[in-house]
């Protein structure tokens, strides 16, 4: 009986994690076009559901940040995406700020200025 209770608890936590990081197309700002992988794979980390980013999160973050740093407009779009989507998806500021360092991504811009705008 205890095993079933534990399994039910695990399933609830997993479902909650998915619900907390799932978003609809209407919640994604237009500037996030192409950045969905960052929101999807890094959502559990930035939402403080997981203590560390997964390798998929770091791969997605590297790709999105590299693409954004290709142009000034790319950086502005990414920062706007994070400023708008972050609160909707309940991302924690500390986790958003730490993501580049934790994933060992060297940025050409300040994450703090990016998300505080």
PDB file of N, CA and C in Angstrom:
ATOM      1  N   UNK A   1       0.821  -1.195   0.000  1.00  0.00           N
ATOM      2  CA  UNK A   1       0.000   0.000   0.000  1.00  0.00           C
ATOM      3  C   UNK A   1       0.861   1.254   0.000  1.00  0.00           C
ATOM      4  N   UNK A   2       1.949   1.262   0.757  1.00  0.00           N
ATOM      5  CA  UNK A   2       2.855   2.406   0.807  1.00  0.00           C
ATOM      6  C   UNK A   2       3.502   2.666  -0.534  1.00  0.00           C
ATOM      7  N   UNK A   3       3.770   1.602  -1.275  1.00  0.00           N
ATOM      8  CA  UNK A   3       4.383   1.727  -2.599  1.00  0.00           C
ATOM      9  C   UNK A   3       3.445   2.438  -3.573  1.00  0.00           C
ATOM     10  N   UNK A   4       2.149   2.115  -3.493  1.00  0.00           N
ATOM     11  CA  UNK A   4       1.163   2.762  -4.369  1.00  0.00           C
ATOM     12  C   UNK A   4       1.028   4.241  -4.027  1.00  0.00           C
ATOM     13  N   UNK A   5       1.063   4.562  -2.742  1.00  0.00           N
ATOM     14  CA  UNK A   5       0.975   5.947  -2.309  1.00  0.00           C
ATOM     15  C   UNK A   5       2.183   6.730  -2.823  1.00  0.00           C
ATOM     16  N   UNK A   6       3.348   6.143  -2.706  1.00  0.00           N
ATOM     17  CA  UNK A   6       4.571   6.790  -3.193  1.00  0.00           C
ATOM     18  C   UNK A   6       4.502   7.001  -4.697  1.00  0.00           C
ATOM     19  N   UNK A   7       4.062   5.994  -5.428  1.00  0.00           N
ATOM     20  CA  UNK A   7       3.939   6.106  -6.879  1.00  0.00           C
ATOM     21  C   UNK A   7       2.943   7.205  -7.247  1.00  0.00           C
ATOM     22  N   UNK A   8       1.844   7.278  -6.532  1.00  0.00           N
ATOM     23  CA  UNK A   8       0.848   8.331  -6.789  1.00  0.00           C
ATOM     24  C   UNK A   8       1.447   9.710  -6.533  1.00  0.00           C
ATOM     25  N   UNK A   9       2.239   9.829  -5.478  1.00  0.00           N
ATOM     26  CA  UNK A   9       2.891  11.101  -5.162  1.00  0.00           C
ATOM     27  C   UNK A   9       3.876  11.486  -6.257  1.00  0.00           C
ATOM     28  N   UNK A  10       4.661  10.536  -6.734  1.00  0.00           N
ATOM     29  CA  UNK A  10       5.614  10.787  -7.814  1.00  0.00           C
ATOM     30  C   UNK A  10       4.882  11.239  -9.074  1.00  0.00           C
ATOM     31  N   UNK A  11       3.795  10.567  -9.402  1.00  0.00           N
ATOM     32  CA  UNK A  11       3.014  10.942 -10.589  1.00  0.00           C
ATOM     33  C   UNK A  11       2.447  12.352 -10.445  1.00  0.00           C
ATOM     34  N   UNK A  12       1.978  12.704  -9.247  1.00  0.00           N
ATOM     35  CA  UNK A  12       1.442  14.045  -9.009  1.00  0.00           C
ATOM     36  C   UNK A  12       2.529  15.099  -9.203  1.00  0.00           C
ATOM     37  N   UNK A  13       3.699  14.863  -8.635  1.00  0.00           N
ATOM     38  CA  UNK A  13       4.805  15.814  -8.758  1.00  0.00           C
ATOM     39  C   UNK A  13       5.203  15.975 -10.221  1.00  0.00           C
ATOM     40  N   UNK A  14       5.262  14.890 -10.967  1.00  0.00           N
ATOM     41  CA  UNK A  14       5.609  14.973 -12.386  1.00  0.00           C
ATOM     42  C   UNK A  14       4.542  15.756 -13.153  1.00  0.00           C
ATOM     43  N   UNK A  15       3.285  15.494 -12.865  1.00  0.00           N
ATOM     44  CA  UNK A  15       2.198  16.211 -13.542  1.00  0.00           C
ATOM     45  C   UNK A  15       2.241  17.689 -13.195  1.00  0.00           C
ATOM     46  N   UNK A  16       2.522  18.003 -11.932  1.00  0.00           N
ATOM     47  CA  UNK A  16       2.625  19.403 -11.524  1.00  0.00           C
ATOM     48  C   UNK A  16       3.776  20.077 -12.253  1.00  0.00           C
ATOM     49  N   UNK A  17       4.893  19.385 -12.350  1.00  0.00           N
ATOM     50  CA  UNK A  17       6.047  19.941 -13.060  1.00  0.00           C
ATOM     51  C   UNK A  17       5.729  20.251 -14.502  1.00  0.00           C
ATOM     52  N   UNK A  18       5.024  19.361 -15.161  1.00  0.00           N
ATOM     53  CA  UNK A  18       4.625  19.605 -16.546  1.00  0.00           C
ATOM     54  C   UNK A  18       3.646  20.759 -16.634  1.00  0.00           C
ATOM     55  N   UNK A  19       2.712  20.823 -15.715  1.00  0.00           N
ATOM     56  CA  UNK A  19       1.719  21.906 -15.735  1.00  0.00           C
ATOM     57  C   UNK A  19       2.377  23.249 -15.476  1.00  0.00           C
ATOM     58  N   UNK A  20       3.362  23.270 -14.610  1.00  0.00           N
ATOM     59  CA  UNK A  20       4.024  24.529 -14.272  1.00  0.00           C
ATOM     60  C   UNK A  20       4.896  25.036 -15.405  1.00  0.00           C
ATOM     61  N   UNK A  21       5.318  24.152 -16.291  1.00  0.00           N
ATOM     62  CA  UNK A  21       6.204  24.583 -17.373  1.00  0.00           C
ATOM     63  C   UNK A  21       5.540  24.509 -18.738  1.00  0.00           C
ATOM     64  N   UNK A  22       4.271  24.148 -18.783  1.00  0.00           N
ATOM     65  CA  UNK A  22       3.561  24.077 -20.047  1.00  0.00           C
ATOM     66  C   UNK A  22       2.934  25.438 -20.334  1.00  0.00           C
ATOM     67  N   UNK A  23       2.950  25.841 -21.573  1.00  0.00           N
ATOM     68  CA  UNK A  23       2.391  27.122 -21.942  1.00  0.00           C
ATOM     69  C   UNK A  23       1.648  26.971 -23.250  1.00  0.00           C
ATOM     70  N   UNK A  24       0.754  27.917 -23.492  1.00  0.00           N
ATOM     71  CA  UNK A  24       0.009  27.897 -24.735  1.00  0.00           C
ATOM     72  C   UNK A  24       0.655  28.858 -25.714  1.00  0.00           C
ATOM     73  N   UNK A  25       0.316  28.727 -26.972  1.00  0.00           N
ATOM     74  CA  UNK A  25       0.866  29.598 -27.993  1.00  0.00           C
ATOM     75  C   UNK A  25       0.564  31.056 -27.670  1.00  0.00           C
ATOM     76  N   UNK A  26      -0.600  31.329 -27.093  1.00  0.00           N
ATOM     77  CA  UNK A  26      -0.964  32.712 -26.776  1.00  0.00           C
ATOM     78  C   UNK A  26      -0.109  33.309 -25.670  1.00  0.00           C
ATOM     79  N   UNK A  27       0.545  32.467 -24.855  1.00  0.00           N
ATOM     80  CA  UNK A  27       1.394  32.960 -23.778  1.00  0.00           C
ATOM     81  C   UNK A  27       2.809  33.279 -24.249  1.00  0.00           C
ATOM     82  N   UNK A  28       3.176  32.818 -25.416  1.00  0.00           N
ATOM     83  CA  UNK A  28       4.528  33.052 -25.916  1.00  0.00           C
ATOM     84  C   UNK A  28       4.556  34.381 -26.662  1.00  0.00           C
ATOM     85  N   UNK A  29       5.369  35.330 -26.200  1.00  0.00           N
ATOM     86  CA  UNK A  29       5.436  36.599 -26.921  1.00  0.00           C
ATOM     87  C   UNK A  29       6.013  36.392 -28.319  1.00  0.00           C
ATOM     88  N   UNK A  30       5.647  37.244 -29.268  1.00  0.00           N
ATOM     89  CA  UNK A  30       6.144  37.094 -30.636  1.00  0.00           C
ATOM     90  C   UNK A  30       7.671  37.051 -30.714  1.00  0.00           C
ATOM     91  N   UNK A  31       8.345  37.753 -29.816  1.00  0.00           N
ATOM     92  CA  UNK A  31       9.809  37.758 -29.853  1.00  0.00           C
ATOM     93  C   UNK A  31      10.418  36.421 -29.437  1.00  0.00           C
ATOM     94  N   UNK A  32       9.605  35.510 -28.900  1.00  0.00           N
ATOM     95  CA  UNK A  32      10.114  34.188 -28.524  1.00  0.00           C
ATOM     96  C   UNK A  32      10.105  33.226 -29.702  1.00  0.00           C
ATOM     97  N   UNK A  33       9.704  33.690 -30.856  1.00  0.00           N
ATOM     98  CA  UNK A  33       9.687  32.847 -32.043  1.00  0.00           C
ATOM     99  C   UNK A  33      11.083  32.274 -32.267  1.00  0.00           C
ATOM    100  N   UNK A  34      11.198  30.966 -32.172  1.00  0.00           N
ATOM    101  CA  UNK A  34      12.490  30.300 -32.320  1.00  0.00           C
ATOM    102  C   UNK A  34      13.179  30.024 -30.997  1.00  0.00           C
ATOM    103  N   UNK A  35      12.663  30.593 -29.911  1.00  0.00           N
ATOM    104  CA  UNK A  35      13.270  30.404 -28.588  1.00  0.00           C
ATOM    105  C   UNK A  35      12.481  29.437 -27.713  1.00  0.00           C
ATOM    106  N   UNK A  36      11.495  28.764 -28.311  1.00  0.00           N
ATOM    107  CA  UNK A  36      10.636  27.856 -27.542  1.00  0.00           C
ATOM    108  C   UNK A  36      11.432  26.744 -26.865  1.00  0.00           C
ATOM    109  N   UNK A  37      12.503  26.299 -27.492  1.00  0.00           N
ATOM    110  CA  UNK A  37      13.292  25.208 -26.897  1.00  0.00           C
ATOM    111  C   UNK A  37      13.899  25.642 -25.564  1.00  0.00           C
ATOM    112  N   UNK A  38      14.303  26.899 -25.469  1.00  0.00           N
ATOM    113  CA  UNK A  38      14.846  27.412 -24.205  1.00  0.00           C
ATOM    114  C   UNK A  38      13.766  27.369 -23.127  1.00  0.00           C
ATOM    115  N   UNK A  39      12.572  27.836 -23.468  1.00  0.00           N
ATOM    116  CA  UNK A  39      11.476  27.848 -22.497  1.00  0.00           C
ATOM    117  C   UNK A  39      11.065  26.434 -22.105  1.00  0.00           C
ATOM    118  N   UNK A  40      11.027  25.548 -23.078  1.00  0.00           N
ATOM    119  CA  UNK A  40      10.587  24.175 -22.823  1.00  0.00           C
ATOM    120  C   UNK A  40      11.617  23.382 -22.026  1.00  0.00           C
ATOM    121  N   UNK A  41      12.853  23.331 -22.528  1.00  0.00           N
ATOM    122  CA  UNK A  41      13.858  22.485 -21.879  1.00  0.00           C
ATOM    123  C   UNK A  41      14.408  23.085 -20.586  1.00  0.00           C
ATOM    124  N   UNK A  42      14.420  24.407 -20.481  1.00  0.00           N
ATOM    125  CA  UNK A  42      14.976  25.042 -19.282  1.00  0.00           C
ATOM    126  C   UNK A  42      13.892  25.485 -18.301  1.00  0.00           C
ATOM    127  N   UNK A  43      12.629  25.329 -18.692  1.00  0.00           N
ATOM    128  CA  UNK A  43      11.528  25.716 -17.814  1.00  0.00           C
ATOM    129  C   UNK A  43      11.583  25.080 -16.438  1.00  0.00           C
ATOM    130  N   UNK A  44      11.823  23.770 -16.342  1.00  0.00           N
ATOM    131  CA  UNK A  44      11.877  23.156 -15.006  1.00  0.00           C
ATOM    132  C   UNK A  44      13.003  23.719 -14.139  1.00  0.00           C
ATOM    133  N   UNK A  45      14.122  24.101 -14.749  1.00  0.00           N
ATOM    134  CA  UNK A  45      15.220  24.702 -13.983  1.00  0.00           C
ATOM    135  C   UNK A  45      14.869  26.138 -13.601  1.00  0.00           C
ATOM    136  N   UNK A  46      14.458  26.947 -14.584  1.00  0.00           N
ATOM    137  CA  UNK A  46      14.183  28.355 -14.302  1.00  0.00           C
ATOM    138  C   UNK A  46      12.930  28.527 -13.446  1.00  0.00           C
ATOM    139  N   UNK A  47      12.047  27.545 -13.466  1.00  0.00           N
ATOM    140  CA  UNK A  47      10.863  27.566 -12.613  1.00  0.00           C
ATOM    141  C   UNK A  47      11.131  26.998 -11.232  1.00  0.00           C
ATOM    142  N   UNK A  48      12.371  26.636 -10.969  1.00  0.00           N
ATOM    143  CA  UNK A  48      12.824  26.109  -9.675  1.00  0.00           C
ATOM    144  C   UNK A  48      12.178  24.771  -9.328  1.00  0.00           C
ATOM    145  N   UNK A  49      11.830  23.997 -10.353  1.00  0.00           N
ATOM    146  CA  UNK A  49      11.296  22.654 -10.140  1.00  0.00           C
ATOM    147  C   UNK A  49      12.456  21.659 -10.037  1.00  0.00           C
ATOM    148  N   UNK A  50      13.497  21.869 -10.861  1.00  0.00           N
ATOM    149  CA  UNK A  50      14.710  21.049 -10.801  1.00  0.00           C
ATOM    150  C   UNK A  50      15.857  21.913 -10.302  1.00  0.00           C
ATOM    151  N   UNK A  51      16.727  21.362  -9.452  1.00  0.00           N
ATOM    152  CA  UNK A  51      17.832  22.164  -8.910  1.00  0.00           C
ATOM    153  C   UNK A  51      18.919  22.475  -9.936  1.00  0.00           C
ATOM    154  N   UNK A  52      19.020  21.662 -10.979  1.00  0.00           N
ATOM    155  CA  UNK A  52      20.064  21.857 -11.987  1.00  0.00           C
ATOM    156  C   UNK A  52      19.470  21.720 -13.383  1.00  0.00           C
ATOM    157  N   UNK A  53      20.041  22.445 -14.351  1.00  0.00           N
ATOM    158  CA  UNK A  53      19.546  22.292 -15.721  1.00  0.00           C
ATOM    159  C   UNK A  53      19.977  20.943 -16.296  1.00  0.00           C
ATOM    160  N   UNK A  54      19.166  20.398 -17.163  1.00  0.00           N
ATOM    161  CA  UNK A  54      19.513  19.145 -17.838  1.00  0.00           C
ATOM    162  C   UNK A  54      20.479  19.446 -18.984  1.00  0.00           C
ATOM    163  N   UNK A  55      21.055  18.409 -19.541  1.00  0.00           N
ATOM    164  CA  UNK A  55      21.928  18.603 -20.701  1.00  0.00           C
ATOM    165  C   UNK A  55      21.128  19.138 -21.885  1.00  0.00           C
ATOM    166  N   UNK A  56      19.873  18.711 -22.029  1.00  0.00           N
ATOM    167  CA  UNK A  56      19.020  19.245 -23.095  1.00  0.00           C
ATOM    168  C   UNK A  56      18.765  20.732 -22.901  1.00  0.00           C
ATOM    169  N   UNK A  57      18.595  21.153 -21.658  1.00  0.00           N
ATOM    170  CA  UNK A  57      18.416  22.576 -21.366  1.00  0.00           C
ATOM    171  C   UNK A  57      19.652  23.354 -21.794  1.00  0.00           C
ATOM    172  N   UNK A  58      20.819  22.885 -21.402  1.00  0.00           N
ATOM    173  CA  UNK A  58      22.057  23.604 -21.743  1.00  0.00           C
ATOM    174  C   UNK A  58      22.293  23.628 -23.249  1.00  0.00           C
ATOM    175  N   UNK A  59      21.961  22.543 -23.942  1.00  0.00           N
ATOM    176  CA  UNK A  59      22.088  22.537 -25.411  1.00  0.00           C
ATOM    177  C   UNK A  59      21.146  23.560 -26.028  1.00  0.00           C
ATOM    178  N   UNK A  60      19.901  23.582 -25.568  1.00  0.00           N
ATOM    179  CA  UNK A  60      18.928  24.541 -26.092  1.00  0.00           C
ATOM    180  C   UNK A  60      19.348  25.972 -25.764  1.00  0.00           C
ATOM    181  N   UNK A  61      19.799  26.192 -24.536  1.00  0.00           N
ATOM    182  CA  UNK A  61      20.226  27.529 -24.125  1.00  0.00           C
ATOM    183  C   UNK A  61      21.418  27.994 -24.958  1.00  0.00           C
ATOM    184  N   UNK A  62      22.377  27.115 -25.183  1.00  0.00           N
ATOM    185  CA  UNK A  62      23.543  27.472 -26.000  1.00  0.00           C
ATOM    186  C   UNK A  62      23.105  27.871 -27.395  1.00  0.00           C
ATOM    187  N   UNK A  63      22.238  27.100 -27.979  1.00  0.00           N
ATOM    188  CA  UNK A  63      21.753  27.386 -29.325  1.00  0.00           C
ATOM    189  C   UNK A  63      21.009  28.719 -29.379  1.00  0.00           C
ATOM    190  N   UNK A  64      20.106  28.941 -28.437  1.00  0.00           N
ATOM    191  CA  UNK A  64      19.301  30.167 -28.429  1.00  0.00           C
ATOM    192  C   UNK A  64      20.170  31.390 -28.151  1.00  0.00           C
ATOM    193  N   UNK A  65      21.062  31.298 -27.164  1.00  0.00           N
ATOM    194  CA  UNK A  65      21.932  32.440 -26.856  1.00  0.00           C
ATOM    195  C   UNK A  65      22.889  32.737 -28.007  1.00  0.00           C
ATOM    196  N   UNK A  66      23.460  31.699 -28.611  1.00  0.00           N
ATOM    197  CA  UNK A  66      24.359  31.920 -29.751  1.00  0.00           C
ATOM    198  C   UNK A  66      23.625  32.597 -30.898  1.00  0.00           C
ATOM    199  N   UNK A  67      22.419  32.131 -31.185  1.00  0.00           N
ATOM    200  CA  UNK A  67      21.624  32.734 -32.256  1.00  0.00           C
ATOM    201  C   UNK A  67      21.322  34.201 -31.930  1.00  0.00           C
ATOM    202  N   UNK A  68      20.949  34.464 -30.700  1.00  0.00           N
ATOM    203  CA  UNK A  68      20.610  35.834 -30.283  1.00  0.00           C
ATOM    204  C   UNK A  68      21.812  36.762 -30.387  1.00  0.00           C
ATOM    205  N   UNK A  69      22.999  36.262 -30.022  1.00  0.00           N
ATOM    206  CA  UNK A  69      24.193  37.114 -30.046  1.00  0.00           C
ATOM    207  C   UNK A  69      24.680  37.406 -31.456  1.00  0.00           C
ATOM    208  N   UNK A  70      24.048  36.771 -32.444  1.00  0.00           N
ATOM    209  CA  UNK A  70      24.414  37.037 -33.831  1.00  0.00           C
ATOM    210  C   UNK A  70      24.039  38.441 -34.277  1.00  0.00           C
ATOM    211  N   UNK A  71      23.012  39.012 -33.657  1.00  0.00           N
ATOM    212  CA  UNK A  71      22.574  40.368 -34.007  1.00  0.00           C
ATOM    213  C   UNK A  71      22.099  41.090 -32.753  1.00  0.00           C
ATOM    214  N   UNK A  72      22.163  42.405 -32.783  1.00  0.00           N
ATOM    215  CA  UNK A  72      21.636  43.203 -31.684  1.00  0.00           C
ATOM    216  C   UNK A  72      20.144  42.985 -31.516  1.00  0.00           C
ATOM    217  N   UNK A  73      19.431  42.855 -32.616  1.00  0.00           N
ATOM    218  CA  UNK A  73      17.991  42.623 -32.548  1.00  0.00           C
ATOM    219  C   UNK A  73      17.699  41.268 -31.921  1.00  0.00           C
ATOM    220  N   UNK A  74      18.544  40.287 -32.181  1.00  0.00           N
ATOM    221  CA  UNK A  74      18.361  38.962 -31.581  1.00  0.00           C
ATOM    222  C   UNK A  74      18.446  39.014 -30.071  1.00  0.00           C
ATOM    223  N   UNK A  75      19.393  39.796 -29.554  1.00  0.00           N
ATOM    224  CA  UNK A  75      19.530  39.953 -28.102  1.00  0.00           C
ATOM    225  C   UNK A  75      18.297  40.659 -27.548  1.00  0.00           C
ATOM    226  N   UNK A  76      17.858  41.731 -28.202  1.00  0.00           N
ATOM    227  CA  UNK A  76      16.665  42.448 -27.743  1.00  0.00           C
ATOM    228  C   UNK A  76      15.443  41.529 -27.734  1.00  0.00           C
ATOM    229  N   UNK A  77      15.302  40.731 -28.785  1.00  0.00           N
ATOM    230  CA  UNK A  77      14.156  39.815 -28.859  1.00  0.00           C
ATOM    231  C   UNK A  77      14.206  38.770 -27.749  1.00  0.00           C
ATOM    232  N   UNK A  78      15.381  38.192 -27.527  1.00  0.00           N
ATOM    233  CA  UNK A  78      15.513  37.185 -26.477  1.00  0.00           C
ATOM    234  C   UNK A  78      15.227  37.793 -25.110  1.00  0.00           C
ATOM    235  N   UNK A  79      15.781  38.971 -24.846  1.00  0.00           N
ATOM    236  CA  UNK A  79      15.549  39.628 -23.557  1.00  0.00           C
ATOM    237  C   UNK A  79      14.066  39.941 -23.377  1.00  0.00           C
ATOM    238  N   UNK A  80      13.423  40.416 -24.427  1.00  0.00           N
ATOM    239  CA  UNK A  80      11.988  40.688 -24.354  1.00  0.00           C
ATOM    240  C   UNK A  80      11.221  39.400 -24.087  1.00  0.00           C
ATOM    241  N   UNK A  81      11.617  38.335 -24.751  1.00  0.00           N
ATOM    242  CA  UNK A  81      10.989  37.030 -24.536  1.00  0.00           C
ATOM    243  C   UNK A  81      11.078  36.631 -23.067  1.00  0.00           C
ATOM    244  N   UNK A  82      12.270  36.712 -22.493  1.00  0.00           N
ATOM    245  CA  UNK A  82      12.465  36.308 -21.101  1.00  0.00           C
ATOM    246  C   UNK A  82      11.729  37.223 -20.130  1.00  0.00           C
ATOM    247  N   UNK A  83      11.706  38.531 -20.414  1.00  0.00           N
ATOM    248  CA  UNK A  83      10.989  39.472 -19.537  1.00  0.00           C
ATOM    249  C   UNK A  83       9.491  39.214 -19.544  1.00  0.00           C
ATOM    250  N   UNK A  84       8.935  38.874 -20.703  1.00  0.00           N
ATOM    251  CA  UNK A  84       7.493  38.660 -20.814  1.00  0.00           C
ATOM    252  C   UNK A  84       7.099  37.244 -20.386  1.00  0.00           C
ATOM    253  N   UNK A  85       7.809  36.252 -20.880  1.00  0.00           N
ATOM    254  CA  UNK A  85       7.444  34.862 -20.598  1.00  0.00           C
ATOM    255  C   UNK A  85       7.818  34.429 -19.183  1.00  0.00           C
ATOM    256  N   UNK A  86       8.890  34.998 -18.629  1.00  0.00           N
ATOM    257  CA  UNK A  86       9.358  34.602 -17.299  1.00  0.00           C
ATOM    258  C   UNK A  86       8.285  34.639 -16.228  1.00  0.00           C
ATOM    259  N   UNK A  87       7.611  35.779 -16.050  1.00  0.00           N
ATOM    260  CA  UNK A  87       6.568  35.823 -15.020  1.00  0.00           C
ATOM    261  C   UNK A  87       5.376  34.905 -15.322  1.00  0.00           C
ATOM    262  N   UNK A  88       5.011  34.791 -16.588  1.00  0.00           N
ATOM    263  CA  UNK A  88       3.886  33.926 -16.965  1.00  0.00           C
ATOM    264  C   UNK A  88       4.194  32.477 -16.611  1.00  0.00           C
ATOM    265  N   UNK A  89       5.445  32.062 -16.836  1.00  0.00           N
ATOM    266  CA  UNK A  89       5.849  30.682 -16.581  1.00  0.00           C
ATOM    267  C   UNK A  89       6.437  30.492 -15.181  1.00  0.00           C
ATOM    268  N   UNK A  90       6.368  31.527 -14.380  1.00  0.00           N
ATOM    269  CA  UNK A  90       6.852  31.506 -12.984  1.00  0.00           C
ATOM    270  C   UNK A  90       8.340  31.195 -12.880  1.00  0.00           C
ATOM    271  N   UNK A  91       9.119  31.739 -13.789  1.00  0.00           N
ATOM    272  CA  UNK A  91      10.567  31.562 -13.720  1.00  0.00           C
ATOM    273  C   UNK A  91      11.112  32.402 -12.571  1.00  0.00           C
ATOM    274  N   UNK A  92      12.094  31.856 -11.877  1.00  0.00           N
ATOM    275  CA  UNK A  92      12.753  32.544 -10.776  1.00  0.00           C
ATOM    276  C   UNK A  92      13.905  33.388 -11.326  1.00  0.00           C
ATOM    277  N   UNK A  93      13.970  34.639 -10.902  1.00  0.00           N
ATOM    278  CA  UNK A  93      15.001  35.554 -11.395  1.00  0.00           C
ATOM    279  C   UNK A  93      16.408  34.974 -11.195  1.00  0.00           C
ATOM    280  N   UNK A  94      16.671  34.415 -10.016  1.00  0.00           N
ATOM    281  CA  UNK A  94      18.008  33.875  -9.732  1.00  0.00           C
ATOM    282  C   UNK A  94      18.380  32.765 -10.719  1.00  0.00           C
ATOM    283  N   UNK A  95      17.403  31.930 -11.039  1.00  0.00           N
ATOM    284  CA  UNK A  95      17.661  30.821 -11.959  1.00  0.00           C
ATOM    285  C   UNK A  95      17.886  31.332 -13.372  1.00  0.00           C
ATOM    286  N   UNK A  96      17.137  32.348 -13.774  1.00  0.00           N
ATOM    287  CA  UNK A  96      17.326  32.923 -15.107  1.00  0.00           C
ATOM    288  C   UNK A  96      18.717  33.547 -15.208  1.00  0.00           C
ATOM    289  N   UNK A  97      19.127  34.245 -14.143  1.00  0.00           N
ATOM    290  CA  UNK A  97      20.446  34.885 -14.139  1.00  0.00           C
ATOM    291  C   UNK A  97      21.581  33.865 -14.148  1.00  0.00           C
ATOM    292  N   UNK A  98      21.389  32.753 -13.460  1.00  0.00           N
ATOM    293  CA  UNK A  98      22.468  31.769 -13.330  1.00  0.00           C
ATOM    294  C   UNK A  98      22.588  30.820 -14.519  1.00  0.00           C
ATOM    295  N   UNK A  99      21.549  30.741 -15.356  1.00  0.00           N
ATOM    296  CA  UNK A  99      21.542  29.758 -16.445  1.00  0.00           C
ATOM    297  C   UNK A  99      22.792  29.813 -17.324  1.00  0.00           C
ATOM    298  N   UNK A 100      23.202  30.978 -17.828  1.00  0.00           N
ATOM    299  CA  UNK A 100      24.406  30.981 -18.678  1.00  0.00           C
ATOM    300  C   UNK A 100      25.650  30.446 -17.959  1.00  0.00           C
ATOM    301  N   UNK A 101      25.836  30.836 -16.707  1.00  0.00           N
ATOM    302  CA  UNK A 101      27.009  30.361 -15.967  1.00  0.00           C
ATOM    303  C   UNK A 101      26.945  28.864 -15.708  1.00  0.00           C
ATOM    304  N   UNK A 102      25.792  28.375 -15.285  1.00  0.00           N
ATOM    305  CA  UNK A 102      25.639  26.958 -14.977  1.00  0.00           C
ATOM    306  C   UNK A 102      25.841  26.106 -16.232  1.00  0.00           C
ATOM    307  N   UNK A 103      25.401  26.637 -17.377  1.00  0.00           N
ATOM    308  CA  UNK A 103      25.565  25.908 -18.643  1.00  0.00           C
ATOM    309  C   UNK A 103      26.875  26.270 -19.358  1.00  0.00           C
ATOM    310  N   UNK A 104      27.688  27.097 -18.711  1.00  0.00           N
ATOM    311  CA  UNK A 104      29.003  27.511 -19.246  1.00  0.00           C
ATOM    312  C   UNK A 104      28.876  28.182 -20.613  1.00  0.00           C
ATOM    313  N   UNK A 105      27.958  29.149 -20.668  1.00  0.00           N
ATOM    314  CA  UNK A 105      27.746  29.918 -21.893  1.00  0.00           C
ATOM    315  C   UNK A 105      28.292  31.318 -21.652  1.00  0.00           C
ATOM    316  N   UNK A 106      29.215  31.736 -22.502  1.00  0.00           N
ATOM    317  CA  UNK A 106      29.790  33.079 -22.389  1.00  0.00           C
ATOM    318  C   UNK A 106      28.916  34.035 -23.194  1.00  0.00           C
ATOM    319  N   UNK A 107      28.355  35.022 -22.498  1.00  0.00           N
ATOM    320  CA  UNK A 107      27.460  35.971 -23.145  1.00  0.00           C
ATOM    321  C   UNK A 107      28.188  37.269 -23.488  1.00  0.00           C
ATOM    322  N   UNK A 108      27.708  37.931 -24.523  1.00  0.00           N
ATOM    323  CA  UNK A 108      28.243  39.234 -24.896  1.00  0.00           C
ATOM    324  C   UNK A 108      27.367  40.358 -24.334  1.00  0.00           C
ATOM    325  N   UNK A 109      26.446  39.997 -23.451  1.00  0.00           N
ATOM    326  CA  UNK A 109      25.540  40.963 -22.845  1.00  0.00           C
ATOM    327  C   UNK A 109      25.272  40.553 -21.415  1.00  0.00           C
ATOM    328  N   UNK A 110      24.730  41.486 -20.637  1.00  0.00           N
ATOM    329  CA  UNK A 110      24.436  41.240 -19.235  1.00  0.00           C
ATOM    330  C   UNK A 110      23.056  40.610 -19.079  1.00  0.00           C
ATOM    331  N   UNK A 111      23.009  39.437 -18.484  1.00  0.00           N
ATOM    332  CA  UNK A 111      21.720  38.777 -18.239  1.00  0.00           C
ATOM    333  C   UNK A 111      20.877  39.617 -17.293  1.00  0.00           C
ATOM    334  N   UNK A 112      21.512  40.254 -16.325  1.00  0.00           N
ATOM    335  CA  UNK A 112      20.754  41.061 -15.363  1.00  0.00           C
ATOM    336  C   UNK A 112      20.053  42.224 -16.074  1.00  0.00           C
ATOM    337  N   UNK A 113      20.768  42.928 -16.936  1.00  0.00           N
ATOM    338  CA  UNK A 113      20.139  44.005 -17.694  1.00  0.00           C
ATOM    339  C   UNK A 113      19.098  43.452 -18.655  1.00  0.00           C
ATOM    340  N   UNK A 114      19.351  42.272 -19.158  1.00  0.00           N
ATOM    341  CA  UNK A 114      18.443  41.634 -20.114  1.00  0.00           C
ATOM    342  C   UNK A 114      17.078  41.372 -19.498  1.00  0.00           C
ATOM    343  N   UNK A 115      17.038  40.785 -18.317  1.00  0.00           N
ATOM    344  CA  UNK A 115      15.733  40.406 -17.761  1.00  0.00           C
ATOM    345  C   UNK A 115      15.087  41.528 -16.949  1.00  0.00           C
ATOM    346  N   UNK A 116      15.875  42.522 -16.560  1.00  0.00           N
ATOM    347  CA  UNK A 116      15.295  43.630 -15.811  1.00  0.00           C
ATOM    348  C   UNK A 116      14.965  44.805 -16.726  1.00  0.00           C
ATOM    349  N   UNK A 117      15.545  44.800 -17.919  1.00  0.00           N
ATOM    350  CA  UNK A 117      15.263  45.730 -18.975  1.00  0.00           C
ATOM    351  C   UNK A 117      15.366  47.147 -18.705  1.00  0.00           C
TER     352      UNK A 117
END
